[in-house]
Amino acid sequence: MSLNRQWRFALVAAGLCLQSGCTAENAEDILPETVYYDTATKSTFVMERAFETPAVHPQTGRPTLVPAIHCPKCSQWRPTPPVEELQRNPKAMECPRCGTRMSFDGPLPDSP
């Protein structure tokens, strides 16, 4: 995408956001809770969606949280692969254990 086209896209997106009343006050409504995988402890963590990844763990203050995806067959949450891998590898969203397609939907785990 050319730079000129990127700017047009950004301006249209900003205009739509302003027109729909997108403000910092209602950001909680737009960004619901999501499941994160803590790369340090290999556990899951539920918190409000962060704007950056890896997200900062609220208890440790370290950026160790990545979005998690759920395998419905194994009933396990796993770390989401990097965007580059998702774009290159069509099997990146498959469970490494059983091969089932994973998704961002699943039962919310208990946070530590």
PDB file of N, CA and C in Angstrom:
ATOM      1  N   MET A   1       0.847  -1.166   0.000  1.00  0.00           N
ATOM      2  CA  MET A   1       0.000   0.000   0.000  1.00  0.00           C
ATOM      3  C   MET A   1       0.895   1.233   0.000  1.00  0.00           C
ATOM      4  N   SER A   2       0.594   2.160  -0.885  1.00  0.00           N
ATOM      5  CA  SER A   2       1.423   3.360  -0.986  1.00  0.00           C
ATOM      6  C   SER A   2       1.196   4.264   0.222  1.00  0.00           C
ATOM      7  N   LEU A   3       2.154   5.158   0.435  1.00  0.00           N
ATOM      8  CA  LEU A   3       2.069   6.068   1.567  1.00  0.00           C
ATOM      9  C   LEU A   3       0.839   6.958   1.463  1.00  0.00           C
ATOM     10  N   ASN A   4       0.541   7.468   0.261  1.00  0.00           N
ATOM     11  CA  ASN A   4      -0.630   8.312   0.052  1.00  0.00           C
ATOM     12  C   ASN A   4      -1.914   7.547   0.392  1.00  0.00           C
ATOM     13  N   ARG A   5      -1.978   6.295  -0.003  1.00  0.00           N
ATOM     14  CA  ARG A   5      -3.163   5.477   0.266  1.00  0.00           C
ATOM     15  C   ARG A   5      -3.285   5.182   1.765  1.00  0.00           C
ATOM     16  N   GLN A   6      -2.154   4.974   2.437  1.00  0.00           N
ATOM     17  CA  GLN A   6      -2.167   4.738   3.879  1.00  0.00           C
ATOM     18  C   GLN A   6      -2.715   5.956   4.619  1.00  0.00           C
ATOM     19  N   TRP A   7      -2.308   7.157   4.191  1.00  0.00           N
ATOM     20  CA  TRP A   7      -2.796   8.375   4.839  1.00  0.00           C
ATOM     21  C   TRP A   7      -4.300   8.526   4.627  1.00  0.00           C
ATOM     22  N   ARG A   8      -4.769   8.232   3.406  1.00  0.00           N
ATOM     23  CA  ARG A   8      -6.210   8.314   3.143  1.00  0.00           C
ATOM     24  C   ARG A   8      -6.972   7.338   4.024  1.00  0.00           C
ATOM     25  N   PHE A   9      -6.448   6.131   4.150  1.00  0.00           N
ATOM     26  CA  PHE A   9      -7.085   5.129   4.991  1.00  0.00           C
ATOM     27  C   PHE A   9      -7.133   5.603   6.446  1.00  0.00           C
ATOM     28  N   ALA A  10      -6.024   6.157   6.933  1.00  0.00           N
ATOM     29  CA  ALA A  10      -5.962   6.639   8.315  1.00  0.00           C
ATOM     30  C   ALA A  10      -6.951   7.779   8.543  1.00  0.00           C
ATOM     31  N   LEU A  11      -7.068   8.687   7.586  1.00  0.00           N
ATOM     32  CA  LEU A  11      -8.010   9.804   7.727  1.00  0.00           C
ATOM     33  C   LEU A  11      -9.451   9.318   7.723  1.00  0.00           C
ATOM     34  N   VAL A  12      -9.778   8.361   6.860  1.00  0.00           N
ATOM     35  CA  VAL A  12     -11.132   7.814   6.827  1.00  0.00           C
ATOM     36  C   VAL A  12     -11.434   7.094   8.133  1.00  0.00           C
ATOM     37  N   ALA A  13     -10.487   6.311   8.635  1.00  0.00           N
ATOM     38  CA  ALA A  13     -10.681   5.590   9.897  1.00  0.00           C
ATOM     39  C   ALA A  13     -10.879   6.567  11.052  1.00  0.00           C
ATOM     40  N   ALA A  14     -10.079   7.627  11.081  1.00  0.00           N
ATOM     41  CA  ALA A  14     -10.219   8.631  12.146  1.00  0.00           C
ATOM     42  C   ALA A  14     -11.567   9.331  12.045  1.00  0.00           C
ATOM     43  N   GLY A  15     -11.999   9.648  10.836  1.00  0.00           N
ATOM     44  CA  GLY A  15     -13.303  10.282  10.653  1.00  0.00           C
ATOM     45  C   GLY A  15     -14.443   9.397  11.109  1.00  0.00           C
ATOM     46  N   LEU A  16     -14.371   8.120  10.785  1.00  0.00           N
ATOM     47  CA  LEU A  16     -15.411   7.194  11.232  1.00  0.00           C
ATOM     48  C   LEU A  16     -15.418   7.060  12.749  1.00  0.00           C
ATOM     49  N   CYS A  17     -14.236   7.045  13.328  1.00  0.00           N
ATOM     50  CA  CYS A  17     -14.131   6.943  14.781  1.00  0.00           C
ATOM     51  C   CYS A  17     -14.748   8.170  15.450  1.00  0.00           C
ATOM     52  N   LEU A  18     -14.452   9.357  14.929  1.00  0.00           N
ATOM     53  CA  LEU A  18     -15.018  10.583  15.502  1.00  0.00           C
ATOM     54  C   LEU A  18     -16.524  10.640  15.295  1.00  0.00           C
ATOM     55  N   GLN A  19     -16.972  10.219  14.123  1.00  0.00           N
ATOM     56  CA  GLN A  19     -18.399  10.258  13.827  1.00  0.00           C
ATOM     57  C   GLN A  19     -19.175   9.305  14.728  1.00  0.00           C
ATOM     58  N   SER A  20     -18.575   8.154  15.055  1.00  0.00           N
ATOM     59  CA  SER A  20     -19.281   7.175  15.877  1.00  0.00           C
ATOM     60  C   SER A  20     -19.151   7.475  17.368  1.00  0.00           C
ATOM     61  N   GLY A  21     -18.423   8.517  17.728  1.00  0.00           N
ATOM     62  CA  GLY A  21     -18.291   8.889  19.140  1.00  0.00           C
ATOM     63  C   GLY A  21     -17.227   8.103  19.859  1.00  0.00           C
ATOM     64  N   CYS A  22     -16.232   7.630  19.158  1.00  0.00           N
ATOM     65  CA  CYS A  22     -15.148   6.860  19.754  1.00  0.00           C
ATOM     66  C   CYS A  22     -14.262   7.802  20.570  1.00  0.00           C
ATOM     67  N   THR A  23     -14.320   7.668  21.891  1.00  0.00           N
ATOM     68  CA  THR A  23     -13.518   8.520  22.757  1.00  0.00           C
ATOM     69  C   THR A  23     -12.828   7.667  23.808  1.00  0.00           C
ATOM     70  N   ALA A  24     -11.948   8.253  24.547  1.00  0.00           N
ATOM     71  CA  ALA A  24     -11.244   7.524  25.601  1.00  0.00           C
ATOM     72  C   ALA A  24     -12.208   7.066  26.690  1.00  0.00           C
ATOM     73  N   GLU A  25     -13.330   7.799  26.882  1.00  0.00           N
ATOM     74  CA  GLU A  25     -14.273   7.437  27.931  1.00  0.00           C
ATOM     75  C   GLU A  25     -14.943   6.098  27.653  1.00  0.00           C
ATOM     76  N   ASN A  26     -15.215   5.794  26.367  1.00  0.00           N
ATOM     77  CA  ASN A  26     -15.899   4.539  26.077  1.00  0.00           C
ATOM     78  C   ASN A  26     -14.947   3.488  25.530  1.00  0.00           C
ATOM     79  N   ALA A  27     -13.664   3.626  25.778  1.00  0.00           N
ATOM     80  CA  ALA A  27     -12.682   2.657  25.291  1.00  0.00           C
ATOM     81  C   ALA A  27     -12.893   1.294  25.938  1.00  0.00           C
ATOM     82  N   GLU A  28     -13.399   1.265  27.181  1.00  0.00           N
ATOM     83  CA  GLU A  28     -13.647  -0.007  27.843  1.00  0.00           C
ATOM     84  C   GLU A  28     -14.709  -0.814  27.111  1.00  0.00           C
ATOM     85  N   ASP A  29     -15.694  -0.116  26.509  1.00  0.00           N
ATOM     86  CA  ASP A  29     -16.740  -0.812  25.767  1.00  0.00           C
ATOM     87  C   ASP A  29     -16.183  -1.426  24.485  1.00  0.00           C
ATOM     88  N   ILE A  30     -15.203  -0.776  23.879  1.00  0.00           N
ATOM     89  CA  ILE A  30     -14.631  -1.252  22.627  1.00  0.00           C
ATOM     90  C   ILE A  30     -13.609  -2.356  22.896  1.00  0.00           C
ATOM     91  N   LEU A  31     -12.887  -2.257  23.991  1.00  0.00           N
ATOM     92  CA  LEU A  31     -11.830  -3.208  24.310  1.00  0.00           C
ATOM     93  C   LEU A  31     -12.254  -4.090  25.486  1.00  0.00           C
ATOM     94  N   PRO A  32     -12.953  -5.198  25.217  1.00  0.00           N
ATOM     95  CA  PRO A  32     -13.390  -6.060  26.311  1.00  0.00           C
ATOM     96  C   PRO A  32     -12.227  -6.854  26.900  1.00  0.00           C
ATOM     97  N   GLU A  33     -12.524  -7.618  27.941  1.00  0.00           N
ATOM     98  CA  GLU A  33     -11.501  -8.476  28.522  1.00  0.00           C
ATOM     99  C   GLU A  33     -11.089  -9.537  27.512  1.00  0.00           C
ATOM    100  N   THR A  34      -9.843  -9.905  27.577  1.00  0.00           N
ATOM    101  CA  THR A  34      -9.329 -10.931  26.677  1.00  0.00           C
ATOM    102  C   THR A  34      -8.397 -11.855  27.456  1.00  0.00           C
ATOM    103  N   VAL A  35      -8.128 -13.012  26.886  1.00  0.00           N
ATOM    104  CA  VAL A  35      -7.262 -13.993  27.532  1.00  0.00           C
ATOM    105  C   VAL A  35      -5.838 -13.797  27.018  1.00  0.00           C
ATOM    106  N   TYR A  36      -4.902 -13.736  27.951  1.00  0.00           N
ATOM    107  CA  TYR A  36      -3.492 -13.615  27.623  1.00  0.00           C
ATOM    108  C   TYR A  36      -2.745 -14.840  28.138  1.00  0.00           C
ATOM    109  N   TYR A  37      -1.655 -15.150  27.465  1.00  0.00           N
ATOM    110  CA  TYR A  37      -0.767 -16.240  27.857  1.00  0.00           C
ATOM    111  C   TYR A  37       0.497 -15.602  28.401  1.00  0.00           C
ATOM    112  N   ASP A  38       0.844 -15.932  29.633  1.00  0.00           N
ATOM    113  CA  ASP A  38       2.047 -15.388  30.262  1.00  0.00           C
ATOM    114  C   ASP A  38       3.239 -16.246  29.834  1.00  0.00           C
ATOM    115  N   THR A  39       4.127 -15.668  29.040  1.00  0.00           N
ATOM    116  CA  THR A  39       5.265 -16.421  28.512  1.00  0.00           C
ATOM    117  C   THR A  39       6.289 -16.776  29.591  1.00  0.00           C
ATOM    118  N   ALA A  40       6.263 -16.080  30.714  1.00  0.00           N
ATOM    119  CA  ALA A  40       7.214 -16.369  31.794  1.00  0.00           C
ATOM    120  C   ALA A  40       6.761 -17.574  32.620  1.00  0.00           C
ATOM    121  N   THR A  41       5.462 -17.629  32.937  1.00  0.00           N
ATOM    122  CA  THR A  41       4.966 -18.700  33.805  1.00  0.00           C
ATOM    123  C   THR A  41       4.204 -19.788  33.054  1.00  0.00           C
ATOM    124  N   LYS A  42       3.948 -19.567  31.759  1.00  0.00           N
ATOM    125  CA  LYS A  42       3.188 -20.500  30.925  1.00  0.00           C
ATOM    126  C   LYS A  42       1.758 -20.691  31.443  1.00  0.00           C
ATOM    127  N   SER A  43       1.199 -19.638  32.013  1.00  0.00           N
ATOM    128  CA  SER A  43      -0.170 -19.687  32.515  1.00  0.00           C
ATOM    129  C   SER A  43      -1.018 -18.656  31.782  1.00  0.00           C
ATOM    130  N   THR A  44      -2.341 -18.778  31.941  1.00  0.00           N
ATOM    131  CA  THR A  44      -3.251 -17.838  31.294  1.00  0.00           C
ATOM    132  C   THR A  44      -3.639 -16.739  32.274  1.00  0.00           C
ATOM    133  N   PHE A  45      -4.030 -15.613  31.707  1.00  0.00           N
ATOM    134  CA  PHE A  45      -4.337 -14.434  32.508  1.00  0.00           C
ATOM    135  C   PHE A  45      -5.431 -13.657  31.782  1.00  0.00           C
ATOM    136  N   VAL A  46      -6.476 -13.238  32.486  1.00  0.00           N
ATOM    137  CA  VAL A  46      -7.570 -12.472  31.888  1.00  0.00           C
ATOM    138  C   VAL A  46      -7.461 -11.024  32.356  1.00  0.00           C
ATOM    139  N   MET A  47      -7.511 -10.108  31.381  1.00  0.00           N
ATOM    140  CA  MET A  47      -7.501  -8.679  31.710  1.00  0.00           C
ATOM    141  C   MET A  47      -8.057  -7.904  30.525  1.00  0.00           C
ATOM    142  N   GLU A  48      -8.231  -6.618  30.692  1.00  0.00           N
ATOM    143  CA  GLU A  48      -8.712  -5.780  29.594  1.00  0.00           C
ATOM    144  C   GLU A  48      -7.708  -5.820  28.465  1.00  0.00           C
ATOM    145  N   ARG A  49      -8.212  -5.763  27.238  1.00  0.00           N
ATOM    146  CA  ARG A  49      -7.350  -5.836  26.064  1.00  0.00           C
ATOM    147  C   ARG A  49      -6.371  -4.667  26.068  1.00  0.00           C
ATOM    148  N   ALA A  50      -5.116  -4.982  25.818  1.00  0.00           N
ATOM    149  CA  ALA A  50      -4.062  -3.969  25.785  1.00  0.00           C
ATOM    150  C   ALA A  50      -3.863  -3.479  24.353  1.00  0.00           C
ATOM    151  N   PHE A  51      -3.311  -2.291  24.216  1.00  0.00           N
ATOM    152  CA  PHE A  51      -3.051  -1.728  22.898  1.00  0.00           C
ATOM    153  C   PHE A  51      -1.757  -2.251  22.292  1.00  0.00           C
ATOM    154  N   GLU A  52      -0.842  -2.756  23.114  1.00  0.00           N
ATOM    155  CA  GLU A  52       0.444  -3.234  22.629  1.00  0.00           C
ATOM    156  C   GLU A  52       0.681  -4.663  23.094  1.00  0.00           C
ATOM    157  N   THR A  53       1.449  -5.408  22.298  1.00  0.00           N
ATOM    158  CA  THR A  53       1.866  -6.739  22.723  1.00  0.00           C
ATOM    159  C   THR A  53       3.365  -6.847  22.561  1.00  0.00           C
ATOM    160  N   PRO A  54       4.061  -7.501  23.444  1.00  0.00           N
ATOM    161  CA  PRO A  54       3.507  -8.148  24.622  1.00  0.00           C
ATOM    162  C   PRO A  54       3.004  -7.124  25.631  1.00  0.00           C
ATOM    163  N   ALA A  55       1.902  -7.482  26.275  1.00  0.00           N
ATOM    164  CA  ALA A  55       1.287  -6.599  27.265  1.00  0.00           C
ATOM    165  C   ALA A  55       2.028  -6.721  28.597  1.00  0.00           C
ATOM    166  N   VAL A  56       1.941  -5.679  29.371  1.00  0.00           N
ATOM    167  CA  VAL A  56       2.597  -5.653  30.678  1.00  0.00           C
ATOM    168  C   VAL A  56       1.716  -6.386  31.693  1.00  0.00           C
ATOM    169  N   HIS A  57       2.320  -7.328  32.374  1.00  0.00           N
ATOM    170  CA  HIS A  57       1.617  -8.082  33.418  1.00  0.00           C
ATOM    171  C   HIS A  57       1.368  -7.131  34.594  1.00  0.00           C
ATOM    172  N   PRO A  58       0.111  -6.976  35.035  1.00  0.00           N
ATOM    173  CA  PRO A  58      -0.167  -5.996  36.094  1.00  0.00           C
ATOM    174  C   PRO A  58       0.470  -6.330  37.436  1.00  0.00           C
ATOM    175  N   GLN A  59       0.781  -7.591  37.683  1.00  0.00           N
ATOM    176  CA  GLN A  59       1.380  -7.956  38.970  1.00  0.00           C
ATOM    177  C   GLN A  59       2.902  -7.881  38.955  1.00  0.00           C
ATOM    178  N   THR A  60       3.526  -8.226  37.832  1.00  0.00           N
ATOM    179  CA  THR A  60       4.996  -8.233  37.789  1.00  0.00           C
ATOM    180  C   THR A  60       5.571  -6.973  37.158  1.00  0.00           C
ATOM    181  N   GLY A  61       4.756  -6.276  36.334  1.00  0.00           N
ATOM    182  CA  GLY A  61       5.245  -5.091  35.645  1.00  0.00           C
ATOM    183  C   GLY A  61       6.126  -5.405  34.447  1.00  0.00           C
ATOM    184  N   ARG A  62       6.230  -6.675  34.084  1.00  0.00           N
ATOM    185  CA  ARG A  62       7.067  -7.086  32.950  1.00  0.00           C
ATOM    186  C   ARG A  62       6.200  -7.370  31.726  1.00  0.00           C
ATOM    187  N   PRO A  63       6.688  -7.076  30.514  1.00  0.00           N
ATOM    188  CA  PRO A  63       5.908  -7.333  29.295  1.00  0.00           C
ATOM    189  C   PRO A  63       5.995  -8.806  28.876  1.00  0.00           C
ATOM    190  N   THR A  64       5.186  -9.647  29.518  1.00  0.00           N
ATOM    191  CA  THR A  64       5.240 -11.087  29.260  1.00  0.00           C
ATOM    192  C   THR A  64       3.916 -11.658  28.760  1.00  0.00           C
ATOM    193  N   LEU A  65       2.895 -10.817  28.572  1.00  0.00           N
ATOM    194  CA  LEU A  65       1.580 -11.325  28.178  1.00  0.00           C
ATOM    195  C   LEU A  65       1.351 -11.176  26.677  1.00  0.00           C
ATOM    196  N   VAL A  66       1.029 -12.287  26.021  1.00  0.00           N
ATOM    197  CA  VAL A  66       0.669 -12.281  24.603  1.00  0.00           C
ATOM    198  C   VAL A  66      -0.757 -12.805  24.488  1.00  0.00           C
ATOM    199  N   PRO A  67      -1.514 -12.376  23.468  1.00  0.00           N
ATOM    200  CA  PRO A  67      -2.880 -12.888  23.308  1.00  0.00           C
ATOM    201  C   PRO A  67      -2.871 -14.414  23.199  1.00  0.00           C
ATOM    202  N   ALA A  68      -3.913 -15.032  23.734  1.00  0.00           N
ATOM    203  CA  ALA A  68      -4.004 -16.489  23.728  1.00  0.00           C
ATOM    204  C   ALA A  68      -5.097 -16.959  22.778  1.00  0.00           C
ATOM    205  N   ILE A  69      -4.906 -18.168  22.240  1.00  0.00           N
ATOM    206  CA  ILE A  69      -5.927 -18.810  21.413  1.00  0.00           C
ATOM    207  C   ILE A  69      -6.267 -20.146  22.053  1.00  0.00           C
ATOM    208  N   HIS A  70      -7.517 -20.582  21.842  1.00  0.00           N
ATOM    209  CA  HIS A  70      -8.044 -21.753  22.531  1.00  0.00           C
ATOM    210  C   HIS A  70      -8.239 -22.925  21.578  1.00  0.00           C
ATOM    211  N   CYS A  71      -7.837 -24.112  22.019  1.00  0.00           N
ATOM    212  CA  CYS A  71      -8.093 -25.342  21.267  1.00  0.00           C
ATOM    213  C   CYS A  71      -9.326 -25.994  21.879  1.00  0.00           C
ATOM    214  N   PRO A  72     -10.424 -26.108  21.110  1.00  0.00           N
ATOM    215  CA  PRO A  72     -11.635 -26.699  21.669  1.00  0.00           C
ATOM    216  C   PRO A  72     -11.492 -28.192  21.970  1.00  0.00           C
ATOM    217  N   LYS A  73     -10.621 -28.892  21.256  1.00  0.00           N
ATOM    218  CA  LYS A  73     -10.455 -30.330  21.472  1.00  0.00           C
ATOM    219  C   LYS A  73      -9.610 -30.614  22.716  1.00  0.00           C
ATOM    220  N   CYS A  74      -8.487 -29.911  22.854  1.00  0.00           N
ATOM    221  CA  CYS A  74      -7.594 -30.104  24.006  1.00  0.00           C
ATOM    222  C   CYS A  74      -8.056 -29.315  25.233  1.00  0.00           C
ATOM    223  N   SER A  75      -8.937 -28.349  25.011  1.00  0.00           N
ATOM    224  CA  SER A  75      -9.399 -27.438  26.076  1.00  0.00           C
ATOM    225  C   SER A  75      -8.234 -26.700  26.724  1.00  0.00           C
ATOM    226  N   GLN A  76      -7.283 -26.261  25.895  1.00  0.00           N
ATOM    227  CA  GLN A  76      -6.134 -25.532  26.413  1.00  0.00           C
ATOM    228  C   GLN A  76      -5.967 -24.209  25.680  1.00  0.00           C
ATOM    229  N   TRP A  77      -5.477 -23.213  26.432  1.00  0.00           N
ATOM    230  CA  TRP A  77      -5.120 -21.921  25.848  1.00  0.00           C
ATOM    231  C   TRP A  77      -3.642 -21.963  25.500  1.00  0.00           C
ATOM    232  N   ARG A  78      -3.300 -21.450  24.325  1.00  0.00           N
ATOM    233  CA  ARG A  78      -1.911 -21.419  23.863  1.00  0.00           C
ATOM    234  C   ARG A  78      -1.581 -19.998  23.397  1.00  0.00           C
ATOM    235  N   PRO A  79      -0.282 -19.640  23.352  1.00  0.00           N
ATOM    236  CA  PRO A  79       0.084 -18.299  22.871  1.00  0.00           C
ATOM    237  C   PRO A  79      -0.224 -18.148  21.384  1.00  0.00           C
ATOM    238  N   THR A  80      -0.713 -16.985  21.007  1.00  0.00           N
ATOM    239  CA  THR A  80      -0.962 -16.706  19.598  1.00  0.00           C
ATOM    240  C   THR A  80       0.373 -16.553  18.886  1.00  0.00           C
ATOM    241  N   PRO A  81       0.520 -17.188  17.716  1.00  0.00           N
ATOM    242  CA  PRO A  81       1.767 -17.019  16.952  1.00  0.00           C
ATOM    243  C   PRO A  81       1.935 -15.559  16.526  1.00  0.00           C
ATOM    244  N   PRO A  82       3.155 -15.132  16.242  1.00  0.00           N
ATOM    245  CA  PRO A  82       3.389 -13.772  15.757  1.00  0.00           C
ATOM    246  C   PRO A  82       2.626 -13.517  14.450  1.00  0.00           C
ATOM    247  N   VAL A  83       2.289 -12.259  14.192  1.00  0.00           N
ATOM    248  CA  VAL A  83       1.530 -11.878  13.002  1.00  0.00           C
ATOM    249  C   VAL A  83       2.230 -12.347  11.733  1.00  0.00           C
ATOM    250  N   GLU A  84       3.558 -12.240  11.697  1.00  0.00           N
ATOM    251  CA  GLU A  84       4.305 -12.657  10.512  1.00  0.00           C
ATOM    252  C   GLU A  84       4.076 -14.129  10.204  1.00  0.00           C
ATOM    253  N   GLU A  85       4.038 -14.957  11.247  1.00  0.00           N
ATOM    254  CA  GLU A  85       3.805 -16.389  11.047  1.00  0.00           C
ATOM    255  C   GLU A  85       2.368 -16.649  10.603  1.00  0.00           C
ATOM    256  N   LEU A  86       1.427 -15.916  11.168  1.00  0.00           N
ATOM    257  CA  LEU A  86       0.027 -16.084  10.771  1.00  0.00           C
ATOM    258  C   LEU A  86      -0.172 -15.740   9.298  1.00  0.00           C
ATOM    259  N   GLN A  87       0.552 -14.734   8.811  1.00  0.00           N
ATOM    260  CA  GLN A  87       0.435 -14.330   7.409  1.00  0.00           C
ATOM    261  C   GLN A  87       1.093 -15.326   6.463  1.00  0.00           C
ATOM    262  N   ARG A  88       2.174 -15.963   6.887  1.00  0.00           N
ATOM    263  CA  ARG A  88       2.919 -16.887   6.027  1.00  0.00           C
ATOM    264  C   ARG A  88       2.414 -18.314   6.084  1.00  0.00           C
ATOM    265  N   ASN A  89       2.014 -18.751   7.275  1.00  0.00           N
ATOM    266  CA  ASN A  89       1.729 -20.153   7.517  1.00  0.00           C
ATOM    267  C   ASN A  89       0.239 -20.389   7.745  1.00  0.00           C
ATOM    268  N   PRO A  90      -0.459 -21.045   6.807  1.00  0.00           N
ATOM    269  CA  PRO A  90      -1.889 -21.281   6.993  1.00  0.00           C
ATOM    270  C   PRO A  90      -2.192 -22.232   8.149  1.00  0.00           C
ATOM    271  N   LYS A  91      -1.211 -22.990   8.599  1.00  0.00           N
ATOM    272  CA  LYS A  91      -1.433 -23.931   9.702  1.00  0.00           C
ATOM    273  C   LYS A  91      -1.069 -23.331  11.064  1.00  0.00           C
ATOM    274  N   ALA A  92      -0.747 -22.063  11.104  1.00  0.00           N
ATOM    275  CA  ALA A  92      -0.326 -21.433  12.358  1.00  0.00           C
ATOM    276  C   ALA A  92      -1.425 -21.411  13.403  1.00  0.00           C
ATOM    277  N   MET A  93      -2.680 -21.423  12.970  1.00  0.00           N
ATOM    278  CA  MET A  93      -3.804 -21.405  13.919  1.00  0.00           C
ATOM    279  C   MET A  93      -4.250 -22.813  14.311  1.00  0.00           C
ATOM    280  N   GLU A  94      -3.500 -23.836  13.894  1.00  0.00           N
ATOM    281  CA  GLU A  94      -3.817 -25.204  14.275  1.00  0.00           C
ATOM    282  C   GLU A  94      -3.091 -25.565  15.564  1.00  0.00           C
ATOM    283  N   CYS A  95      -3.757 -26.339  16.400  1.00  0.00           N
ATOM    284  CA  CYS A  95      -3.169 -26.774  17.665  1.00  0.00           C
ATOM    285  C   CYS A  95      -1.945 -27.643  17.387  1.00  0.00           C
ATOM    286  N   PRO A  96      -0.792 -27.344  18.017  1.00  0.00           N
ATOM    287  CA  PRO A  96       0.402 -28.143  17.775  1.00  0.00           C
ATOM    288  C   PRO A  96       0.276 -29.562  18.324  1.00  0.00           C
ATOM    289  N   ARG A  97      -0.675 -29.774  19.226  1.00  0.00           N
ATOM    290  CA  ARG A  97      -0.836 -31.091  19.848  1.00  0.00           C
ATOM    291  C   ARG A  97      -1.760 -32.005  19.045  1.00  0.00           C
ATOM    292  N   CYS A  98      -2.944 -31.469  18.617  1.00  0.00           N
ATOM    293  CA  CYS A  98      -3.939 -32.338  17.979  1.00  0.00           C
ATOM    294  C   CYS A  98      -4.298 -31.921  16.556  1.00  0.00           C
ATOM    295  N   GLY A  99      -3.866 -30.718  16.113  1.00  0.00           N
ATOM    296  CA  GLY A  99      -4.139 -30.273  14.757  1.00  0.00           C
ATOM    297  C   GLY A  99      -5.483 -29.597  14.554  1.00  0.00           C
ATOM    298  N   THR A 100      -6.274 -29.446  15.617  1.00  0.00           N
ATOM    299  CA  THR A 100      -7.572 -28.776  15.525  1.00  0.00           C
ATOM    300  C   THR A 100      -7.379 -27.273  15.352  1.00  0.00           C
ATOM    301  N   ARG A 101      -8.251 -26.651  14.569  1.00  0.00           N
ATOM    302  CA  ARG A 101      -8.182 -25.200  14.367  1.00  0.00           C
ATOM    303  C   ARG A 101      -8.540 -24.508  15.678  1.00  0.00           C
ATOM    304  N   MET A 102      -7.687 -23.582  16.117  1.00  0.00           N
ATOM    305  CA  MET A 102      -7.911 -22.853  17.363  1.00  0.00           C
ATOM    306  C   MET A 102      -8.583 -21.522  17.081  1.00  0.00           C
ATOM    307  N   SER A 103      -9.178 -20.926  18.120  1.00  0.00           N
ATOM    308  CA  SER A 103      -9.846 -19.635  17.970  1.00  0.00           C
ATOM    309  C   SER A 103      -9.627 -18.800  19.227  1.00  0.00           C
ATOM    310  N   PHE A 104     -10.042 -17.543  19.142  1.00  0.00           N
ATOM    311  CA  PHE A 104      -9.924 -16.636  20.281  1.00  0.00           C
ATOM    312  C   PHE A 104     -11.085 -16.807  21.260  1.00  0.00           C
ATOM    313  N   ASP A 105     -12.071 -17.620  20.889  1.00  0.00           N
ATOM    314  CA  ASP A 105     -13.222 -17.876  21.747  1.00  0.00           C
ATOM    315  C   ASP A 105     -12.982 -19.138  22.551  1.00  0.00           C
ATOM    316  N   GLY A 106     -13.391 -19.092  23.791  1.00  0.00           N
ATOM    317  CA  GLY A 106     -13.251 -20.253  24.668  1.00  0.00           C
ATOM    318  C   GLY A 106     -13.649 -19.862  26.070  1.00  0.00           C
ATOM    319  N   PRO A 107     -13.728 -20.815  26.964  1.00  0.00           N
ATOM    320  CA  PRO A 107     -14.096 -20.480  28.351  1.00  0.00           C
ATOM    321  C   PRO A 107     -13.001 -19.650  29.000  1.00  0.00           C
ATOM    322  N   LEU A 108     -13.404 -18.628  29.716  1.00  0.00           N
ATOM    323  CA  LEU A 108     -12.418 -17.774  30.381  1.00  0.00           C
ATOM    324  C   LEU A 108     -11.763 -18.546  31.514  1.00  0.00           C
ATOM    325  N   PRO A 109     -10.433 -18.579  31.545  1.00  0.00           N
ATOM    326  CA  PRO A 109      -9.737 -19.246  32.644  1.00  0.00           C
ATOM    327  C   PRO A 109      -9.745 -18.370  33.884  1.00  0.00           C
ATOM    328  N   ASP A 110      -9.473 -18.980  35.011  1.00  0.00           N
ATOM    329  CA  ASP A 110      -9.311 -18.223  36.250  1.00  0.00           C
ATOM    330  C   ASP A 110      -7.976 -17.511  36.214  1.00  0.00           C
ATOM    331  N   SER A 111      -7.959 -16.223  36.566  1.00  0.00           N
ATOM    332  CA  SER A 111      -6.696 -15.475  36.603  1.00  0.00           C
ATOM    333  C   SER A 111      -5.971 -15.784  37.900  1.00  0.00           C
ATOM    334  N   PRO A 112      -4.640 -15.842  37.840  1.00  0.00           N
ATOM    335  CA  PRO A 112      -3.867 -16.097  39.074  1.00  0.00           C
ATOM    336  C   PRO A 112      -3.974 -14.966  40.058  1.00  0.00           C
TER     337      PRO A 112
END
